Amino acid sequence: MLIKLHIMTFTGRFCNYTCFLITDINECNDPGTHPCYGDCKNTPGSYNCTCPSGSFGDAKIENGCQHPNNSKSPSSIFIIGNIS
């Protein structure tokens, strides 16, 4: 979970108070630290990285998304031979 915590102290004539402001960090804006080679969506405290529609795999690694027609496993196997 990545967040920034800002602490500010205000002093007035009759009281002192401290404000805590928590802001989310957009991990999608920092691909060097939070890689995404697909569709990146910032979420509160984290991010989601998915392969584009029509593909599958791990979008957090380079070349991790594969399209079904480019996958390395064959979709059809043909066996040609003689049975004696």
N, C-alpha and C. Protein backbone atom coordinates (compact mmCIF):
# COMPACT_ATOMS: atom_id res chain seq x y z
N MET A 1 0.84 -1.17 0.00
CA MET A 1 0.00 0.00 0.00
C MET A 1 0.89 1.23 0.00
N LEU A 2 0.71 2.08 -0.97
CA LEU A 2 1.51 3.30 -1.06
C LEU A 2 0.62 4.52 -0.89
N ILE A 3 0.90 5.27 0.15
CA ILE A 3 0.18 6.51 0.39
C ILE A 3 1.17 7.53 0.92
N LYS A 4 0.84 8.78 0.79
CA LYS A 4 1.63 9.86 1.37
C LYS A 4 0.87 10.39 2.57
N LEU A 5 1.57 10.64 3.65
CA LEU A 5 0.96 11.20 4.85
C LEU A 5 1.53 12.59 5.04
N HIS A 6 0.67 13.57 5.01
CA HIS A 6 1.06 14.95 5.22
C HIS A 6 0.58 15.36 6.62
N ILE A 7 1.47 15.88 7.43
CA ILE A 7 1.10 16.32 8.77
C ILE A 7 1.31 17.83 8.84
N MET A 8 0.26 18.53 9.20
CA MET A 8 0.33 19.98 9.31
C MET A 8 -0.16 20.38 10.70
N THR A 9 0.55 21.29 11.33
CA THR A 9 0.15 21.77 12.64
C THR A 9 -0.24 23.24 12.53
N PHE A 10 -1.39 23.57 13.09
CA PHE A 10 -1.89 24.93 13.07
C PHE A 10 -1.95 25.44 14.51
N THR A 11 -1.54 26.63 14.70
CA THR A 11 -1.61 27.25 16.02
C THR A 11 -2.49 28.48 15.93
N GLY A 12 -3.49 28.52 16.77
CA GLY A 12 -4.39 29.67 16.81
C GLY A 12 -4.35 30.33 18.18
N ARG A 13 -5.16 31.33 18.36
CA ARG A 13 -5.18 32.06 19.62
C ARG A 13 -5.67 31.20 20.78
N PHE A 14 -6.66 30.32 20.53
CA PHE A 14 -7.25 29.55 21.60
C PHE A 14 -7.00 28.05 21.52
N CYS A 15 -6.42 27.57 20.45
CA CYS A 15 -6.22 26.12 20.35
C CYS A 15 -5.09 25.80 19.40
N ASN A 16 -4.61 24.59 19.55
CA ASN A 16 -3.62 24.02 18.63
C ASN A 16 -4.23 22.72 18.10
N TYR A 17 -4.03 22.44 16.84
CA TYR A 17 -4.53 21.19 16.30
C TYR A 17 -3.63 20.73 15.17
N THR A 18 -3.65 19.43 14.95
CA THR A 18 -2.85 18.81 13.91
C THR A 18 -3.78 18.13 12.92
N CYS A 19 -3.52 18.33 11.65
CA CYS A 19 -4.31 17.70 10.60
C CYS A 19 -3.46 16.63 9.92
N PHE A 20 -4.09 15.52 9.65
CA PHE A 20 -3.44 14.46 8.90
C PHE A 20 -4.16 14.34 7.57
N LEU A 21 -3.42 14.50 6.51
CA LEU A 21 -3.99 14.40 5.17
C LEU A 21 -3.30 13.24 4.46
N ILE A 22 -4.08 12.24 4.09
CA ILE A 22 -3.54 11.08 3.41
C ILE A 22 -3.93 11.16 1.94
N THR A 23 -2.94 11.06 1.07
CA THR A 23 -3.21 11.10 -0.36
C THR A 23 -2.68 9.82 -1.01
N ASP A 24 -3.38 9.36 -1.99
CA ASP A 24 -3.00 8.15 -2.72
C ASP A 24 -1.91 8.48 -3.73
N ILE A 25 -1.01 7.54 -3.94
CA ILE A 25 0.02 7.67 -4.96
C ILE A 25 -0.45 6.89 -6.18
N ASN A 26 -0.39 7.51 -7.36
CA ASN A 26 -0.80 6.84 -8.58
C ASN A 26 0.38 6.01 -9.11
N GLU A 27 0.35 4.72 -8.82
CA GLU A 27 1.44 3.83 -9.24
C GLU A 27 1.55 3.74 -10.76
N CYS A 28 0.47 3.98 -11.48
CA CYS A 28 0.50 3.92 -12.94
C CYS A 28 1.40 5.02 -13.53
N ASN A 29 1.65 6.07 -12.77
CA ASN A 29 2.52 7.15 -13.25
C ASN A 29 3.99 6.86 -12.99
N ASP A 30 4.32 5.72 -12.40
CA ASP A 30 5.71 5.37 -12.09
C ASP A 30 6.03 3.97 -12.58
N PRO A 31 6.10 3.78 -13.92
CA PRO A 31 6.32 2.44 -14.46
C PRO A 31 7.69 1.85 -14.13
N GLY A 32 8.65 2.69 -13.75
CA GLY A 32 9.96 2.16 -13.37
C GLY A 32 9.89 1.36 -12.08
N THR A 33 9.04 1.79 -11.16
CA THR A 33 8.87 1.11 -9.89
C THR A 33 7.69 0.13 -9.93
N HIS A 34 6.66 0.49 -10.67
CA HIS A 34 5.44 -0.32 -10.75
C HIS A 34 5.15 -0.63 -12.22
N PRO A 35 5.85 -1.61 -12.79
CA PRO A 35 5.72 -1.87 -14.23
C PRO A 35 4.33 -2.39 -14.61
N CYS A 36 3.88 -1.95 -15.76
CA CYS A 36 2.65 -2.47 -16.34
C CYS A 36 2.75 -2.34 -17.85
N TYR A 37 2.69 -3.48 -18.54
CA TYR A 37 2.78 -3.49 -20.00
C TYR A 37 1.41 -3.76 -20.62
N GLY A 38 0.37 -3.51 -19.85
CA GLY A 38 -1.00 -3.69 -20.32
C GLY A 38 -1.82 -2.47 -19.94
N ASP A 39 -2.99 -2.72 -19.41
CA ASP A 39 -3.89 -1.64 -18.98
C ASP A 39 -3.72 -1.43 -17.48
N CYS A 40 -3.25 -0.24 -17.11
CA CYS A 40 -3.00 0.08 -15.71
C CYS A 40 -4.16 0.90 -15.14
N LYS A 41 -4.63 0.50 -13.96
CA LYS A 41 -5.69 1.23 -13.29
C LYS A 41 -5.27 1.48 -11.84
N ASN A 42 -5.21 2.75 -11.47
CA ASN A 42 -4.87 3.10 -10.10
C ASN A 42 -6.04 2.76 -9.18
N THR A 43 -5.71 2.22 -8.01
CA THR A 43 -6.71 1.94 -6.98
C THR A 43 -6.21 2.55 -5.67
N PRO A 44 -7.06 2.77 -4.70
CA PRO A 44 -6.60 3.34 -3.43
C PRO A 44 -5.55 2.46 -2.77
N GLY A 45 -4.34 2.95 -2.69
CA GLY A 45 -3.25 2.22 -2.05
C GLY A 45 -2.56 1.18 -2.90
N SER A 46 -2.95 1.01 -4.16
CA SER A 46 -2.34 -0.01 -5.01
C SER A 46 -2.65 0.29 -6.47
N TYR A 47 -2.55 -0.73 -7.33
CA TYR A 47 -2.92 -0.59 -8.73
C TYR A 47 -3.20 -1.97 -9.31
N ASN A 48 -3.97 -2.00 -10.39
CA ASN A 48 -4.25 -3.23 -11.12
C ASN A 48 -3.64 -3.12 -12.50
N CYS A 49 -3.02 -4.18 -12.94
CA CYS A 49 -2.40 -4.21 -14.26
C CYS A 49 -2.90 -5.47 -14.96
N THR A 50 -3.66 -5.28 -16.01
CA THR A 50 -4.25 -6.42 -16.72
C THR A 50 -3.86 -6.37 -18.19
N CYS A 51 -3.90 -7.53 -18.82
CA CYS A 51 -3.64 -7.60 -20.25
C CYS A 51 -4.82 -6.97 -21.01
N PRO A 52 -4.54 -6.38 -22.17
CA PRO A 52 -5.61 -5.79 -22.97
C PRO A 52 -6.67 -6.84 -23.33
N SER A 53 -7.86 -6.37 -23.61
CA SER A 53 -8.96 -7.24 -23.99
C SER A 53 -8.56 -8.15 -25.15
N GLY A 54 -8.88 -9.41 -25.03
CA GLY A 54 -8.55 -10.37 -26.09
C GLY A 54 -7.21 -11.04 -25.90
N SER A 55 -6.49 -10.68 -24.84
CA SER A 55 -5.21 -11.33 -24.58
C SER A 55 -5.20 -11.83 -23.14
N PHE A 56 -4.16 -12.59 -22.79
CA PHE A 56 -4.07 -13.17 -21.46
C PHE A 56 -2.61 -13.21 -21.03
N GLY A 57 -2.36 -13.42 -19.75
CA GLY A 57 -1.00 -13.54 -19.25
C GLY A 57 -0.75 -12.59 -18.09
N ASP A 58 0.53 -12.26 -17.90
CA ASP A 58 0.96 -11.40 -16.80
C ASP A 58 1.40 -10.05 -17.37
N ALA A 59 0.56 -9.04 -17.21
CA ALA A 59 0.84 -7.73 -17.80
C ALA A 59 1.92 -6.96 -17.05
N LYS A 60 2.38 -7.49 -15.90
CA LYS A 60 3.42 -6.80 -15.14
C LYS A 60 4.83 -7.15 -15.61
N ILE A 61 4.92 -8.07 -16.56
CA ILE A 61 6.23 -8.38 -17.14
C ILE A 61 6.20 -8.08 -18.63
N GLU A 62 7.33 -7.64 -19.15
CA GLU A 62 7.42 -7.30 -20.56
C GLU A 62 7.13 -8.53 -21.42
N ASN A 63 6.32 -8.38 -22.44
CA ASN A 63 5.87 -9.46 -23.32
C ASN A 63 5.09 -10.54 -22.56
N GLY A 64 4.50 -10.16 -21.42
CA GLY A 64 3.75 -11.12 -20.62
C GLY A 64 2.33 -11.36 -21.10
N CYS A 65 1.82 -10.48 -21.96
CA CYS A 65 0.47 -10.65 -22.50
C CYS A 65 0.56 -11.36 -23.85
N GLN A 66 -0.24 -12.38 -24.01
CA GLN A 66 -0.24 -13.15 -25.25
C GLN A 66 -1.63 -13.11 -25.87
N HIS A 67 -1.67 -13.06 -27.17
CA HIS A 67 -2.94 -13.17 -27.89
C HIS A 67 -3.15 -14.65 -28.20
N PRO A 68 -4.37 -15.13 -28.10
CA PRO A 68 -4.61 -16.57 -28.31
C PRO A 68 -4.03 -17.12 -29.61
N ASN A 69 -4.07 -16.36 -30.69
CA ASN A 69 -3.54 -16.87 -31.96
C ASN A 69 -2.02 -16.74 -32.05
N ASN A 70 -1.38 -16.10 -31.07
CA ASN A 70 0.08 -16.00 -31.05
C ASN A 70 0.70 -16.84 -29.94
N SER A 71 -0.12 -17.62 -29.24
CA SER A 71 0.41 -18.39 -28.12
C SER A 71 1.32 -19.50 -28.64
N LYS A 72 2.18 -19.98 -27.78
CA LYS A 72 3.16 -20.98 -28.19
C LYS A 72 2.60 -22.39 -28.17
N SER A 73 1.42 -22.59 -27.60
CA SER A 73 0.84 -23.93 -27.61
C SER A 73 -0.02 -24.10 -28.85
N PRO A 74 0.06 -25.22 -29.52
CA PRO A 74 -0.71 -25.41 -30.75
C PRO A 74 -2.19 -25.54 -30.46
N SER A 75 -2.99 -24.98 -31.36
CA SER A 75 -4.43 -25.10 -31.18
C SER A 75 -4.97 -26.30 -31.97
N SER A 76 -4.22 -26.78 -32.95
CA SER A 76 -4.63 -27.94 -33.75
C SER A 76 -3.41 -28.83 -33.98
N ILE A 77 -3.64 -30.12 -33.91
CA ILE A 77 -2.56 -31.08 -34.18
C ILE A 77 -3.03 -32.01 -35.28
N PHE A 78 -2.23 -32.14 -36.32
CA PHE A 78 -2.54 -33.04 -37.43
C PHE A 78 -1.51 -34.15 -37.43
N ILE A 79 -1.99 -35.37 -37.50
CA ILE A 79 -1.11 -36.52 -37.57
C ILE A 79 -1.36 -37.22 -38.91
N ILE A 80 -0.31 -37.36 -39.69
CA ILE A 80 -0.42 -38.00 -40.99
C ILE A 80 0.47 -39.25 -40.98
N GLY A 81 -0.10 -40.33 -41.38
CA GLY A 81 0.67 -41.56 -41.40
C GLY A 81 -0.13 -42.71 -41.95
N ASN A 82 0.53 -43.85 -42.12
CA ASN A 82 -0.10 -45.08 -42.62
C ASN A 82 -0.29 -46.05 -41.46
N ILE A 83 -1.42 -46.69 -41.47
CA ILE A 83 -1.65 -47.76 -40.50
C ILE A 83 -1.57 -49.07 -41.30
N SER A 84 -0.64 -49.92 -40.94
CA SER A 84 -0.45 -51.19 -41.67
C SER A 84 -1.08 -52.34 -40.95
